[in-house]
Amino acid sequence: MVIKMNEREVIVKLYQNVDMGVVGIESIEDKIETRALAKTVLNQKEEYQNLKQELLSFCKDYNVQEKELGAMAKLSSGMMSNMKLMMDKSDSHIAKMMMEGTNKGLISLEELKNNYDGKDEKLIAMIEKIIKVEQQNNEDLKIYL
């Protein structure tokens, strides 16, 4: 059974999606050893932060309280990243981890798009913008595999 979502629910999910991008990057950024990958990842982090700012205006327009990820989710992300990087801090491993996270985000975004029951063109455009950013992030990381 598919549950349709309203604008408020979609905005919260979008905000959490881009917040997870920031959290994921923050959990690995200090472990990146090469300048090129570090630059790519920091550019992606900046883009996620910009998206969060854009989504704050949606929160204001729809009277939605933004909900960042909880402390447990952030802690879990950090611990998982640390465990995965203990044995392998190579660019290819980090890029693969980042792409796995991005793919999870893309799945979530496509579900949001499919389950949104409204017609708000601005919100639909925002969903599609974030999808394009995630897709581009994966493209940018492929060279490190």
N, C-alpha and C. Protein backbone atom coordinates (compact mmCIF):
# COMPACT_ATOMS: atom_id res chain seq x y z
N MET A 1 0.83 -1.17 0.00
CA MET A 1 0.00 0.00 0.00
C MET A 1 0.88 1.25 0.00
N VAL A 2 0.62 2.17 -0.90
CA VAL A 2 1.36 3.41 -1.01
C VAL A 2 0.62 4.50 -0.26
N ILE A 3 1.34 5.19 0.59
CA ILE A 3 0.74 6.29 1.35
C ILE A 3 1.18 7.59 0.70
N LYS A 4 0.23 8.38 0.26
CA LYS A 4 0.53 9.66 -0.35
C LYS A 4 0.95 10.67 0.71
N MET A 5 1.84 11.56 0.33
CA MET A 5 2.38 12.54 1.27
C MET A 5 1.95 13.94 0.87
N ASN A 6 1.77 14.78 1.88
CA ASN A 6 1.45 16.18 1.60
C ASN A 6 2.73 17.01 1.58
N GLU A 7 2.60 18.30 1.29
CA GLU A 7 3.76 19.18 1.15
C GLU A 7 4.61 19.20 2.41
N ARG A 8 3.97 19.29 3.54
CA ARG A 8 4.71 19.39 4.81
C ARG A 8 5.58 18.16 5.03
N GLU A 9 5.02 16.99 4.80
CA GLU A 9 5.77 15.73 4.98
C GLU A 9 6.93 15.65 3.99
N VAL A 10 6.69 16.07 2.76
CA VAL A 10 7.73 16.04 1.73
C VAL A 10 8.87 16.98 2.10
N ILE A 11 8.55 18.17 2.57
CA ILE A 11 9.58 19.14 2.94
C ILE A 11 10.46 18.60 4.06
N VAL A 12 9.85 18.00 5.07
CA VAL A 12 10.63 17.42 6.17
C VAL A 12 11.56 16.33 5.64
N LYS A 13 11.05 15.46 4.79
CA LYS A 13 11.87 14.37 4.23
C LYS A 13 13.00 14.92 3.36
N LEU A 14 12.72 15.94 2.57
CA LEU A 14 13.76 16.55 1.74
C LEU A 14 14.85 17.15 2.62
N TYR A 15 14.43 17.85 3.66
CA TYR A 15 15.39 18.47 4.58
C TYR A 15 16.28 17.41 5.21
N GLN A 16 15.68 16.32 5.64
CA GLN A 16 16.46 15.25 6.26
C GLN A 16 17.38 14.57 5.24
N ASN A 17 16.93 14.47 4.00
CA ASN A 17 17.75 13.87 2.95
C ASN A 17 19.04 14.67 2.76
N VAL A 18 18.92 15.98 2.61
CA VAL A 18 20.13 16.78 2.39
C VAL A 18 20.95 16.90 3.67
N ASP A 19 20.29 16.87 4.82
CA ASP A 19 21.02 16.86 6.09
C ASP A 19 21.87 15.59 6.19
N MET A 20 21.33 14.47 5.73
CA MET A 20 22.10 13.22 5.75
C MET A 20 23.33 13.33 4.86
N GLY A 21 23.20 14.05 3.74
CA GLY A 21 24.37 14.28 2.89
C GLY A 21 25.47 15.02 3.64
N VAL A 22 25.09 16.05 4.37
CA VAL A 22 26.07 16.81 5.16
C VAL A 22 26.67 15.93 6.24
N VAL A 23 25.83 15.23 6.97
CA VAL A 23 26.29 14.37 8.07
C VAL A 23 27.23 13.28 7.54
N GLY A 24 26.86 12.66 6.42
CA GLY A 24 27.69 11.62 5.83
C GLY A 24 29.07 12.14 5.46
N ILE A 25 29.10 13.31 4.85
CA ILE A 25 30.39 13.90 4.47
C ILE A 25 31.20 14.27 5.70
N GLU A 26 30.54 14.85 6.69
CA GLU A 26 31.27 15.23 7.91
C GLU A 26 31.87 14.01 8.61
N SER A 27 31.26 12.86 8.42
CA SER A 27 31.78 11.66 9.09
C SER A 27 33.02 11.09 8.40
N ILE A 28 33.31 11.55 7.17
CA ILE A 28 34.48 10.99 6.47
C ILE A 28 35.48 12.05 5.99
N GLU A 29 35.11 13.31 6.02
CA GLU A 29 35.94 14.33 5.39
C GLU A 29 37.35 14.42 5.98
N ASP A 30 37.52 14.16 7.25
CA ASP A 30 38.85 14.25 7.86
C ASP A 30 39.69 13.00 7.58
N LYS A 31 39.12 12.02 6.91
CA LYS A 31 39.86 10.79 6.61
C LYS A 31 40.33 10.74 5.16
N ILE A 32 39.94 11.73 4.38
CA ILE A 32 40.33 11.78 2.97
C ILE A 32 41.77 12.25 2.88
N GLU A 33 42.57 11.52 2.14
CA GLU A 33 44.00 11.80 2.10
C GLU A 33 44.45 12.54 0.85
N THR A 34 43.67 12.55 -0.19
CA THR A 34 44.10 13.23 -1.42
C THR A 34 43.33 14.52 -1.63
N ARG A 35 44.03 15.50 -2.14
CA ARG A 35 43.46 16.83 -2.33
C ARG A 35 42.29 16.83 -3.30
N ALA A 36 42.39 16.09 -4.39
CA ALA A 36 41.33 16.10 -5.42
C ALA A 36 40.01 15.57 -4.87
N LEU A 37 40.06 14.43 -4.19
CA LEU A 37 38.84 13.86 -3.62
C LEU A 37 38.30 14.77 -2.51
N ALA A 38 39.18 15.30 -1.70
CA ALA A 38 38.74 16.21 -0.63
C ALA A 38 38.00 17.41 -1.23
N LYS A 39 38.52 17.95 -2.32
CA LYS A 39 37.87 19.10 -2.96
C LYS A 39 36.49 18.71 -3.49
N THR A 40 36.41 17.56 -4.14
CA THR A 40 35.13 17.07 -4.68
C THR A 40 34.10 16.92 -3.56
N VAL A 41 34.52 16.28 -2.49
CA VAL A 41 33.61 16.00 -1.37
C VAL A 41 33.19 17.29 -0.67
N LEU A 42 34.12 18.22 -0.49
CA LEU A 42 33.78 19.49 0.16
C LEU A 42 32.84 20.32 -0.72
N ASN A 43 33.01 20.24 -2.03
CA ASN A 43 32.07 20.92 -2.94
C ASN A 43 30.67 20.32 -2.79
N GLN A 44 30.60 19.01 -2.65
CA GLN A 44 29.31 18.35 -2.46
C GLN A 44 28.68 18.78 -1.14
N LYS A 45 29.49 18.86 -0.10
CA LYS A 45 28.99 19.29 1.21
C LYS A 45 28.42 20.70 1.11
N GLU A 46 29.13 21.58 0.43
CA GLU A 46 28.65 22.96 0.27
C GLU A 46 27.33 22.99 -0.48
N GLU A 47 27.21 22.13 -1.48
CA GLU A 47 25.95 22.08 -2.24
C GLU A 47 24.80 21.60 -1.35
N TYR A 48 25.05 20.60 -0.53
CA TYR A 48 24.01 20.13 0.40
C TYR A 48 23.64 21.24 1.38
N GLN A 49 24.62 21.98 1.86
CA GLN A 49 24.33 23.06 2.79
C GLN A 49 23.49 24.15 2.11
N ASN A 50 23.78 24.42 0.85
CA ASN A 50 22.97 25.39 0.10
C ASN A 50 21.54 24.89 -0.08
N LEU A 51 21.39 23.60 -0.35
CA LEU A 51 20.05 23.03 -0.48
C LEU A 51 19.29 23.13 0.83
N LYS A 52 19.98 22.91 1.96
CA LYS A 52 19.33 23.05 3.27
C LYS A 52 18.81 24.47 3.44
N GLN A 53 19.60 25.44 3.02
CA GLN A 53 19.15 26.84 3.12
C GLN A 53 17.92 27.09 2.26
N GLU A 54 17.92 26.55 1.05
CA GLU A 54 16.74 26.69 0.18
C GLU A 54 15.52 26.04 0.83
N LEU A 55 15.73 24.88 1.43
CA LEU A 55 14.62 24.18 2.05
C LEU A 55 14.09 24.91 3.28
N LEU A 56 14.94 25.71 3.92
CA LEU A 56 14.47 26.50 5.05
C LEU A 56 13.39 27.49 4.60
N SER A 57 13.52 28.00 3.37
CA SER A 57 12.47 28.91 2.89
C SER A 57 11.18 28.14 2.63
N PHE A 58 11.27 26.89 2.20
CA PHE A 58 10.07 26.06 2.07
C PHE A 58 9.44 25.85 3.45
N CYS A 59 10.29 25.60 4.44
CA CYS A 59 9.77 25.41 5.81
C CYS A 59 9.00 26.65 6.25
N LYS A 60 9.57 27.81 5.97
CA LYS A 60 8.92 29.07 6.34
C LYS A 60 7.60 29.23 5.59
N ASP A 61 7.63 28.99 4.26
CA ASP A 61 6.43 29.15 3.44
C ASP A 61 5.29 28.22 3.86
N TYR A 62 5.63 27.03 4.31
CA TYR A 62 4.63 26.03 4.67
C TYR A 62 4.43 25.89 6.18
N ASN A 63 5.10 26.78 6.92
CA ASN A 63 5.01 26.74 8.37
C ASN A 63 5.38 25.34 8.91
N VAL A 64 6.53 24.88 8.46
CA VAL A 64 7.04 23.56 8.84
C VAL A 64 8.30 23.77 9.68
N GLN A 65 8.39 23.07 10.79
CA GLN A 65 9.60 23.11 11.61
C GLN A 65 10.61 22.14 10.99
N GLU A 66 11.77 22.68 10.59
CA GLU A 66 12.78 21.78 10.01
C GLU A 66 13.23 20.78 11.06
N LYS A 67 13.48 19.57 10.61
CA LYS A 67 13.86 18.50 11.54
C LYS A 67 15.15 17.86 11.03
N GLU A 68 16.25 18.26 11.65
CA GLU A 68 17.51 17.63 11.30
C GLU A 68 17.50 16.21 11.84
N LEU A 69 18.45 15.45 11.36
CA LEU A 69 18.57 14.08 11.84
C LEU A 69 18.86 14.09 13.33
N GLY A 70 18.37 13.09 14.00
CA GLY A 70 18.59 12.98 15.43
C GLY A 70 20.03 12.62 15.77
N ALA A 71 20.38 12.81 17.02
CA ALA A 71 21.74 12.53 17.49
C ALA A 71 22.12 11.08 17.25
N MET A 72 21.16 10.17 17.42
CA MET A 72 21.45 8.74 17.21
C MET A 72 21.80 8.47 15.76
N ALA A 73 21.08 9.06 14.83
CA ALA A 73 21.36 8.85 13.41
C ALA A 73 22.74 9.39 13.05
N LYS A 74 23.08 10.54 13.61
CA LYS A 74 24.40 11.13 13.34
C LYS A 74 25.51 10.27 13.94
N LEU A 75 25.31 9.83 15.16
CA LEU A 75 26.30 8.98 15.82
C LEU A 75 26.47 7.68 15.05
N SER A 76 25.37 7.09 14.65
CA SER A 76 25.39 5.84 13.90
C SER A 76 26.15 6.01 12.59
N SER A 77 25.90 7.09 11.90
CA SER A 77 26.58 7.36 10.63
C SER A 77 28.08 7.47 10.85
N GLY A 78 28.47 8.21 11.87
CA GLY A 78 29.89 8.37 12.17
C GLY A 78 30.56 7.06 12.54
N MET A 79 29.91 6.27 13.36
CA MET A 79 30.48 4.98 13.77
C MET A 79 30.60 4.03 12.59
N MET A 80 29.57 4.00 11.75
CA MET A 80 29.59 3.13 10.58
C MET A 80 30.72 3.53 9.64
N SER A 81 30.88 4.81 9.41
CA SER A 81 31.95 5.29 8.53
C SER A 81 33.31 4.94 9.10
N ASN A 82 33.49 5.16 10.39
CA ASN A 82 34.78 4.85 11.02
C ASN A 82 35.11 3.37 10.89
N MET A 83 34.13 2.51 11.10
CA MET A 83 34.37 1.07 10.99
C MET A 83 34.75 0.71 9.55
N LYS A 84 34.03 1.25 8.59
CA LYS A 84 34.31 0.93 7.19
C LYS A 84 35.66 1.44 6.73
N LEU A 85 36.14 2.52 7.35
CA LEU A 85 37.40 3.12 6.92
C LEU A 85 38.61 2.64 7.71
N MET A 86 38.38 1.82 8.73
CA MET A 86 39.50 1.32 9.53
C MET A 86 40.52 0.57 8.69
N MET A 87 40.04 -0.24 7.78
CA MET A 87 40.92 -1.09 6.98
C MET A 87 41.28 -0.48 5.63
N ASP A 88 40.49 0.44 5.15
CA ASP A 88 40.71 0.95 3.80
C ASP A 88 40.26 2.40 3.70
N LYS A 89 41.25 3.31 3.60
CA LYS A 89 40.96 4.73 3.46
C LYS A 89 41.25 5.20 2.03
N SER A 90 41.32 4.28 1.11
CA SER A 90 41.64 4.66 -0.26
C SER A 90 40.54 5.52 -0.86
N ASP A 91 40.91 6.31 -1.86
CA ASP A 91 39.94 7.13 -2.57
C ASP A 91 38.80 6.29 -3.12
N SER A 92 39.15 5.14 -3.68
CA SER A 92 38.11 4.32 -4.29
C SER A 92 37.12 3.81 -3.25
N HIS A 93 37.60 3.46 -2.08
CA HIS A 93 36.70 2.98 -1.02
C HIS A 93 35.81 4.12 -0.52
N ILE A 94 36.41 5.28 -0.31
CA ILE A 94 35.62 6.43 0.14
C ILE A 94 34.58 6.81 -0.91
N ALA A 95 34.98 6.84 -2.17
CA ALA A 95 34.04 7.17 -3.25
C ALA A 95 32.89 6.16 -3.29
N LYS A 96 33.23 4.90 -3.12
CA LYS A 96 32.19 3.86 -3.12
C LYS A 96 31.22 4.07 -1.96
N MET A 97 31.75 4.36 -0.78
CA MET A 97 30.89 4.61 0.38
C MET A 97 29.97 5.81 0.12
N MET A 98 30.55 6.86 -0.43
CA MET A 98 29.76 8.07 -0.72
C MET A 98 28.66 7.76 -1.73
N MET A 99 29.00 6.99 -2.76
CA MET A 99 28.03 6.66 -3.80
C MET A 99 26.92 5.77 -3.24
N GLU A 100 27.26 4.88 -2.33
CA GLU A 100 26.23 4.04 -1.70
C GLU A 100 25.25 4.91 -0.92
N GLY A 101 25.76 5.89 -0.20
CA GLY A 101 24.89 6.81 0.52
C GLY A 101 24.03 7.64 -0.42
N THR A 102 24.64 8.10 -1.49
CA THR A 102 23.91 8.89 -2.48
C THR A 102 22.81 8.06 -3.13
N ASN A 103 23.10 6.80 -3.41
CA ASN A 103 22.08 5.93 -4.01
C ASN A 103 20.90 5.72 -3.07
N LYS A 104 21.17 5.60 -1.78
CA LYS A 104 20.08 5.51 -0.81
C LYS A 104 19.24 6.79 -0.85
N GLY A 105 19.92 7.92 -0.93
CA GLY A 105 19.23 9.19 -1.02
C GLY A 105 18.38 9.29 -2.28
N LEU A 106 18.91 8.81 -3.40
CA LEU A 106 18.16 8.84 -4.66
C LEU A 106 16.90 7.98 -4.58
N ILE A 107 17.02 6.83 -3.97
CA ILE A 107 15.85 5.96 -3.81
C ILE A 107 14.79 6.68 -2.99
N SER A 108 15.21 7.28 -1.90
CA SER A 108 14.29 8.02 -1.03
C SER A 108 13.63 9.17 -1.80
N LEU A 109 14.40 9.89 -2.60
CA LEU A 109 13.86 11.01 -3.36
C LEU A 109 12.85 10.56 -4.41
N GLU A 110 13.14 9.47 -5.08
CA GLU A 110 12.20 8.95 -6.09
C GLU A 110 10.89 8.51 -5.42
N GLU A 111 11.01 7.90 -4.24
CA GLU A 111 9.80 7.53 -3.49
C GLU A 111 9.00 8.77 -3.11
N LEU A 112 9.70 9.81 -2.67
CA LEU A 112 9.01 11.06 -2.32
C LEU A 112 8.27 11.62 -3.53
N LYS A 113 8.96 11.66 -4.63
CA LYS A 113 8.37 12.21 -5.85
C LYS A 113 7.13 11.41 -6.26
N ASN A 114 7.21 10.11 -6.16
CA ASN A 114 6.09 9.24 -6.55
C ASN A 114 4.93 9.29 -5.56
N ASN A 115 5.23 9.57 -4.29
CA ASN A 115 4.20 9.53 -3.26
C ASN A 115 3.67 10.91 -2.87
N TYR A 116 4.19 11.94 -3.48
CA TYR A 116 3.70 13.29 -3.20
C TYR A 116 2.35 13.44 -3.88
N ASP A 117 1.35 13.83 -3.10
CA ASP A 117 -0.01 13.88 -3.65
C ASP A 117 -0.43 15.28 -4.10
N GLY A 118 0.47 16.23 -4.01
CA GLY A 118 0.12 17.59 -4.37
C GLY A 118 0.58 17.99 -5.76
N LYS A 119 0.31 19.24 -6.06
CA LYS A 119 0.63 19.76 -7.39
C LYS A 119 1.53 20.99 -7.32
N ASP A 120 2.15 21.24 -6.17
CA ASP A 120 2.99 22.41 -6.00
C ASP A 120 4.20 22.32 -6.93
N GLU A 121 4.19 23.12 -7.99
CA GLU A 121 5.25 23.07 -9.00
C GLU A 121 6.63 23.41 -8.41
N LYS A 122 6.64 24.35 -7.48
CA LYS A 122 7.90 24.76 -6.86
C LYS A 122 8.50 23.60 -6.05
N LEU A 123 7.67 22.88 -5.34
CA LEU A 123 8.13 21.75 -4.54
C LEU A 123 8.58 20.60 -5.44
N ILE A 124 7.83 20.33 -6.47
CA ILE A 124 8.21 19.29 -7.43
C ILE A 124 9.56 19.64 -8.06
N ALA A 125 9.74 20.90 -8.41
CA ALA A 125 11.02 21.35 -8.99
C ALA A 125 12.16 21.16 -7.99
N MET A 126 11.90 21.38 -6.71
CA MET A 126 12.93 21.20 -5.68
C MET A 126 13.31 19.73 -5.56
N ILE A 127 12.32 18.85 -5.58
CA ILE A 127 12.62 17.42 -5.54
C ILE A 127 13.51 17.05 -6.71
N GLU A 128 13.14 17.51 -7.89
CA GLU A 128 13.91 17.19 -9.10
C GLU A 128 15.30 17.80 -9.06
N LYS A 129 15.42 18.99 -8.48
CA LYS A 129 16.74 19.63 -8.35
C LYS A 129 17.65 18.78 -7.46
N ILE A 130 17.11 18.32 -6.34
CA ILE A 130 17.93 17.51 -5.42
C ILE A 130 18.31 16.18 -6.08
N ILE A 131 17.40 15.60 -6.83
CA ILE A 131 17.71 14.36 -7.57
C ILE A 131 18.87 14.61 -8.52
N LYS A 132 18.83 15.72 -9.25
CA LYS A 132 19.92 16.04 -10.19
C LYS A 132 21.24 16.25 -9.47
N VAL A 133 21.20 16.90 -8.32
CA VAL A 133 22.42 17.10 -7.53
C VAL A 133 22.99 15.75 -7.11
N GLU A 134 22.13 14.86 -6.62
CA GLU A 134 22.59 13.53 -6.19
C GLU A 134 23.18 12.75 -7.37
N GLN A 135 22.52 12.81 -8.51
CA GLN A 135 23.03 12.12 -9.69
C GLN A 135 24.39 12.68 -10.11
N GLN A 136 24.52 14.00 -10.07
CA GLN A 136 25.79 14.62 -10.42
C GLN A 136 26.88 14.25 -9.41
N ASN A 137 26.51 14.18 -8.14
CA ASN A 137 27.48 13.78 -7.13
C ASN A 137 28.04 12.40 -7.44
N ASN A 138 27.17 11.48 -7.83
CA ASN A 138 27.64 10.14 -8.19
C ASN A 138 28.58 10.21 -9.40
N GLU A 139 28.21 10.99 -10.39
CA GLU A 139 29.07 11.13 -11.58
C GLU A 139 30.45 11.67 -11.18
N ASP A 140 30.46 12.66 -10.32
CA ASP A 140 31.72 13.27 -9.89
C ASP A 140 32.61 12.29 -9.13
N LEU A 141 32.00 11.32 -8.46
CA LEU A 141 32.76 10.35 -7.66
C LEU A 141 33.25 9.16 -8.47
N LYS A 142 32.66 8.91 -9.60
CA LYS A 142 33.02 7.72 -10.40
C LYS A 142 34.49 7.68 -10.77
N ILE A 143 35.10 8.81 -10.99
CA ILE A 143 36.51 8.81 -11.40
C ILE A 143 37.44 8.30 -10.30
N TYR A 144 36.95 8.26 -9.08
CA TYR A 144 37.79 7.79 -7.96
C TYR A 144 37.67 6.30 -7.70
N LEU A 145 36.75 5.64 -8.39
CA LEU A 145 36.57 4.20 -8.18
C LEU A 145 37.74 3.40 -8.74
